[in-house]
Amino acid sequence: MPSLSNPESRALPVHVGIIMDGNGRWAEKRRLIRSQGHLEGLKAAKRIVKAASDAGIRFLTLYVFSTENWKRTAEETGFIMGLVKQYLRGELDFYRENRIRIRHAGDLRGLPNDIAAELAAACEETAPFPGMQVVLALNYGGRDEIVRAVKKLVAENGETPITEQNIRSFLDNPDIPDPDLVIRSAGEYRTSNFLLWEGAYSEYYVSDVLWPDWTKEEFDRALAAYRGRCRKFGGAA
């Protein structure tokens, strides 16, 4: 049973990460093509960004496209990249209106040039905004992030000790606190290479609801579940 005696257990998470899973299954259940599921998943992402901002979440990391997702068909990956470009362009007014900052996690070099340019432009324009920060994990993999961080650490100064603190300083967004809560939709119980370093002591919340069906109410249920957790970080209860 979660303990409610710890004040921290009732606190709002500062950083929430979301593994947005179930777009394909949502479409298949309705006998639609998979791309329709991705389109509806994009709409759900906007709903949850707004819900998180309204709730007072400071950082929200969305797992948009993993380093492993390139294994899918060229048709599907091309459609997803097109949606990302459409999202970055079409929703910029929404981010301006809500003063939300866009950031990126992942290997920018592995993205198509036009997507990388759109992403860089959106990050630059929204950089001064003081509201919630939305990190788009795009061409992202937790193992890849750690490998890139170690390579950058060694390249900067081969004499620098390889410590936890030094590796962390070369992660994609070292100034962002570790996620307090990681949400996964669609009922799957795996991390899928998401925030492996940062999520070492995150609380996990798994919902059976497929991502395109996510609403503010479902997000609120995840926050309520988090408030019932007792976080010990390896210490005694």
Protein backbone atom coordinates (compact mmCIF):
# COMPACT_ATOMS: atom_id res chain seq x y z
CA MET A 1 0.00 0.00 0.00
CA PRO A 2 1.39 3.45 -0.86
CA SER A 3 2.16 5.65 2.11
CA LEU A 4 0.42 9.02 2.31
CA SER A 5 2.36 10.09 5.39
CA ASN A 6 5.26 11.36 3.30
CA PRO A 7 4.50 14.93 2.10
CA GLU A 8 6.52 14.31 -1.07
CA SER A 9 4.15 11.48 -2.01
CA ARG A 10 1.36 14.01 -2.49
CA ALA A 11 3.46 16.50 -4.48
CA LEU A 12 2.94 17.32 -8.12
CA PRO A 13 5.66 15.80 -10.32
CA VAL A 14 8.04 18.40 -11.69
CA HIS A 15 8.95 16.34 -14.75
CA VAL A 16 6.70 13.83 -16.49
CA GLY A 17 7.81 11.56 -19.33
CA ILE A 18 5.30 9.81 -21.58
CA ILE A 19 5.76 6.74 -23.77
CA MET A 20 2.94 7.37 -26.24
CA ASP A 21 2.05 3.82 -27.26
CA GLY A 22 -0.90 2.28 -29.07
CA ASN A 23 -1.45 4.39 -32.19
CA GLY A 24 -1.22 1.40 -34.51
CA ARG A 25 -3.47 -0.79 -32.38
CA TRP A 26 -6.01 2.04 -32.14
CA ALA A 27 -6.21 2.14 -35.93
CA GLU A 28 -6.30 -1.64 -36.34
CA LYS A 29 -9.18 -1.97 -33.88
CA ARG A 30 -11.17 0.37 -36.11
CA ARG A 31 -9.99 -1.26 -39.36
CA LEU A 32 -8.17 1.91 -40.32
CA ILE A 33 -4.69 2.31 -41.75
CA ARG A 34 -1.92 2.81 -39.18
CA SER A 35 -1.29 6.36 -40.32
CA GLN A 36 -4.75 7.32 -39.08
CA GLY A 37 -3.73 6.14 -35.62
CA HIS A 38 -0.62 8.31 -35.73
CA LEU A 39 -2.74 11.28 -36.77
CA GLU A 40 -5.09 10.76 -33.81
CA GLY A 41 -2.08 10.28 -31.56
CA LEU A 42 -0.88 13.72 -32.60
CA LYS A 43 -4.19 15.20 -31.47
CA ALA A 44 -3.88 13.38 -28.14
CA ALA A 45 -0.39 14.83 -27.66
CA LYS A 46 -1.76 18.36 -27.98
CA ARG A 47 -4.51 17.58 -25.43
CA ILE A 48 -2.02 16.25 -22.92
CA VAL A 49 0.46 19.09 -23.41
CA LYS A 50 -2.35 21.52 -22.57
CA ALA A 51 -3.49 19.40 -19.60
CA ALA A 52 0.06 19.18 -18.24
CA SER A 53 0.61 22.91 -18.65
CA ASP A 54 -2.66 23.72 -16.91
CA ALA A 55 -1.78 21.32 -14.08
CA GLY A 56 1.50 23.12 -13.39
CA ILE A 57 3.92 20.50 -14.71
CA ARG A 58 7.27 22.18 -15.39
CA PHE A 59 8.79 19.64 -17.81
CA LEU A 60 7.09 17.15 -20.13
CA THR A 61 9.07 14.72 -22.28
CA LEU A 62 7.16 13.04 -25.11
CA TYR A 63 8.63 9.91 -26.72
CA VAL A 64 7.85 10.80 -30.32
CA PHE A 65 10.16 8.55 -32.37
CA SER A 66 12.84 6.16 -31.16
CA THR A 67 16.14 5.17 -32.74
CA GLU A 68 14.55 1.73 -33.23
CA ASN A 69 11.45 3.05 -35.01
CA TRP A 70 13.44 3.35 -38.24
CA LYS A 71 12.96 -0.44 -38.54
CA ARG A 72 9.36 0.20 -39.59
CA THR A 73 8.36 0.53 -43.24
CA ALA A 74 9.57 3.56 -45.18
CA GLU A 75 5.93 4.48 -45.76
CA GLU A 76 5.14 4.58 -42.04
CA THR A 77 8.33 6.37 -40.97
CA GLY A 78 7.87 8.89 -43.77
CA PHE A 79 4.31 9.57 -42.64
CA ILE A 80 5.40 10.04 -39.02
CA MET A 81 8.15 12.47 -40.07
CA GLY A 82 5.57 14.38 -42.10
CA LEU A 83 3.32 14.57 -39.05
CA VAL A 84 6.20 15.86 -36.93
CA LYS A 85 6.86 18.61 -39.47
CA GLN A 86 3.14 19.43 -39.60
CA TYR A 87 3.02 19.53 -35.79
CA LEU A 88 6.01 21.83 -35.47
CA ARG A 89 4.57 24.25 -38.00
CA GLY A 90 0.86 23.99 -37.27
CA GLU A 91 1.04 24.08 -33.48
CA LEU A 92 3.59 26.85 -33.06
CA ASP A 93 0.83 29.36 -32.38
CA PHE A 94 -0.43 27.09 -29.59
CA TYR A 95 3.03 27.08 -28.01
CA ARG A 96 3.30 30.86 -28.39
CA GLU A 97 -0.12 31.42 -26.83
CA ASN A 98 0.69 29.22 -23.84
CA ARG A 99 4.30 30.43 -23.59
CA ILE A 100 5.54 26.84 -23.78
CA ARG A 101 9.15 26.13 -24.69
CA ILE A 102 10.02 23.35 -27.15
CA ARG A 103 13.22 21.36 -26.64
CA HIS A 104 14.73 18.26 -28.21
CA ALA A 105 16.28 15.02 -27.00
CA GLY A 106 17.92 12.63 -29.41
CA ASP A 107 20.43 12.58 -32.25
CA LEU A 108 19.60 15.51 -34.53
CA ARG A 109 22.05 14.25 -37.14
CA GLY A 110 19.92 11.18 -37.84
CA LEU A 111 16.82 13.19 -38.82
CA PRO A 112 15.90 14.31 -42.35
CA ASN A 113 17.34 17.78 -43.01
CA ASP A 114 13.95 19.48 -43.28
CA ILE A 115 12.74 17.99 -39.98
CA ALA A 116 15.96 18.95 -38.21
CA ALA A 117 15.64 22.50 -39.53
CA GLU A 118 12.00 22.82 -38.42
CA LEU A 119 12.84 21.45 -34.99
CA ALA A 120 15.81 23.77 -34.54
CA ALA A 121 13.71 26.77 -35.58
CA ALA A 122 10.90 25.87 -33.15
CA CYS A 123 13.38 25.39 -30.30
CA GLU A 124 15.06 28.71 -31.04
CA GLU A 125 11.83 30.71 -31.29
CA THR A 126 10.33 29.31 -28.09
CA ALA A 127 13.57 29.37 -26.06
CA PRO A 128 12.65 32.57 -24.16
CA PHE A 129 9.19 31.33 -23.14
CA PRO A 130 8.83 30.97 -19.35
CA GLY A 131 6.10 28.33 -19.30
CA MET A 132 6.27 24.55 -19.31
CA GLN A 133 9.11 22.99 -21.29
CA VAL A 134 8.14 20.24 -23.72
CA VAL A 135 10.98 17.94 -24.73
CA LEU A 136 10.36 16.11 -28.00
CA ALA A 137 12.31 12.85 -27.86
CA LEU A 138 12.83 12.42 -31.59
CA ASN A 139 15.31 9.94 -33.05
CA TYR A 140 15.94 9.22 -29.38
CA GLY A 141 17.19 6.14 -27.59
CA GLY A 142 18.35 5.91 -24.00
CA ARG A 143 21.36 3.75 -24.82
CA ASP A 144 22.28 6.01 -27.72
CA GLU A 145 22.09 9.07 -25.46
CA ILE A 146 24.47 7.52 -22.94
CA VAL A 147 26.94 6.44 -25.64
CA ARG A 148 26.89 9.93 -27.20
CA ALA A 149 27.41 11.50 -23.77
CA VAL A 150 30.45 9.33 -23.00
CA LYS A 151 31.95 10.04 -26.43
CA LYS A 152 31.53 13.79 -25.93
CA LEU A 153 33.05 13.55 -22.46
CA VAL A 154 36.12 11.71 -23.75
CA ALA A 155 36.45 13.98 -26.79
CA GLU A 156 36.41 17.13 -24.67
CA ASN A 157 39.21 15.99 -22.41
CA GLY A 158 40.57 12.49 -22.36
CA GLU A 159 41.87 13.07 -18.84
CA THR A 160 38.41 13.85 -17.40
CA PRO A 161 37.32 11.14 -14.93
CA ILE A 162 34.34 9.12 -16.11
CA THR A 163 31.98 9.70 -13.21
CA GLU A 164 28.22 9.75 -12.92
CA GLN A 165 28.20 13.53 -12.61
CA ASN A 166 30.48 14.04 -15.60
CA ILE A 167 28.46 11.71 -17.83
CA ARG A 168 25.26 13.44 -16.81
CA SER A 169 26.68 16.82 -17.81
CA PHE A 170 26.89 15.58 -21.42
CA LEU A 171 23.38 14.14 -21.67
CA ASP A 172 20.98 15.80 -24.11
CA ASN A 173 19.35 18.06 -21.52
CA PRO A 174 21.51 17.99 -18.36
CA ASP A 175 19.77 21.02 -16.85
CA ILE A 176 16.38 19.27 -16.77
CA PRO A 177 15.63 17.29 -13.56
CA ASP A 178 15.09 13.55 -13.79
CA PRO A 179 11.49 12.55 -14.49
CA ASP A 180 9.48 12.01 -11.33
CA LEU A 181 6.81 10.13 -13.25
CA VAL A 182 6.96 8.09 -16.46
CA ILE A 183 3.61 7.26 -18.04
CA ARG A 184 3.08 4.48 -20.56
CA SER A 185 -0.15 4.05 -22.49
CA ALA A 186 -1.57 0.92 -24.11
CA GLY A 187 -0.86 -1.48 -21.25
CA GLU A 188 2.73 -2.42 -22.07
CA TYR A 189 5.17 -2.99 -19.19
CA ARG A 190 8.56 -2.10 -20.65
CA THR A 191 10.79 0.97 -20.80
CA SER A 192 11.43 0.75 -24.58
CA ASN A 193 14.82 2.48 -24.27
CA PHE A 194 13.25 5.68 -22.90
CA LEU A 195 15.23 7.91 -20.50
CA LEU A 196 17.26 4.97 -19.20
CA TRP A 197 19.73 7.16 -17.30
CA GLU A 198 17.30 9.82 -16.14
CA GLY A 199 14.50 7.41 -15.21
CA ALA A 200 16.50 5.26 -12.79
CA TYR A 201 14.22 6.20 -9.88
CA SER A 202 11.12 7.42 -11.72
CA GLU A 203 7.71 6.25 -10.65
CA TYR A 204 5.92 4.37 -13.46
CA TYR A 205 2.24 4.52 -14.33
CA VAL A 206 0.86 2.13 -16.95
CA SER A 207 -2.57 2.64 -18.46
CA ASP A 208 -4.48 0.24 -20.71
CA VAL A 209 -5.89 3.21 -22.63
CA LEU A 210 -4.44 3.48 -26.14
CA TRP A 211 -2.67 6.77 -26.72
CA PRO A 212 -5.16 8.33 -29.20
CA ASP A 213 -7.89 7.95 -26.55
CA TRP A 214 -5.99 9.83 -23.87
CA THR A 215 -7.76 12.82 -22.36
CA LYS A 216 -7.16 15.29 -19.55
CA GLU A 217 -9.10 12.95 -17.24
CA GLU A 218 -6.73 10.07 -17.97
CA PHE A 219 -3.73 12.33 -17.33
CA ASP A 220 -5.29 13.46 -14.06
CA ARG A 221 -5.64 9.80 -13.03
CA ALA A 222 -1.92 9.31 -13.61
CA LEU A 223 -1.12 12.34 -11.45
CA ALA A 224 -3.44 11.07 -8.71
CA ALA A 225 -1.68 7.71 -8.75
CA TYR A 226 1.68 9.46 -8.43
CA ARG A 227 0.48 11.39 -5.40
CA GLY A 228 -0.21 8.07 -3.72
CA ARG A 229 3.35 6.80 -4.12
CA CYS A 230 6.02 6.85 -1.44
CA ARG A 231 9.35 7.62 -3.08
CA LYS A 232 12.32 6.15 -1.24
CA PHE A 233 15.16 6.38 -3.81
CA GLY A 234 16.69 3.20 -2.45
CA GLY A 235 16.34 4.21 1.19
CA ALA A 236 14.26 2.62 3.94
CA ALA A 237 10.51 3.24 4.15
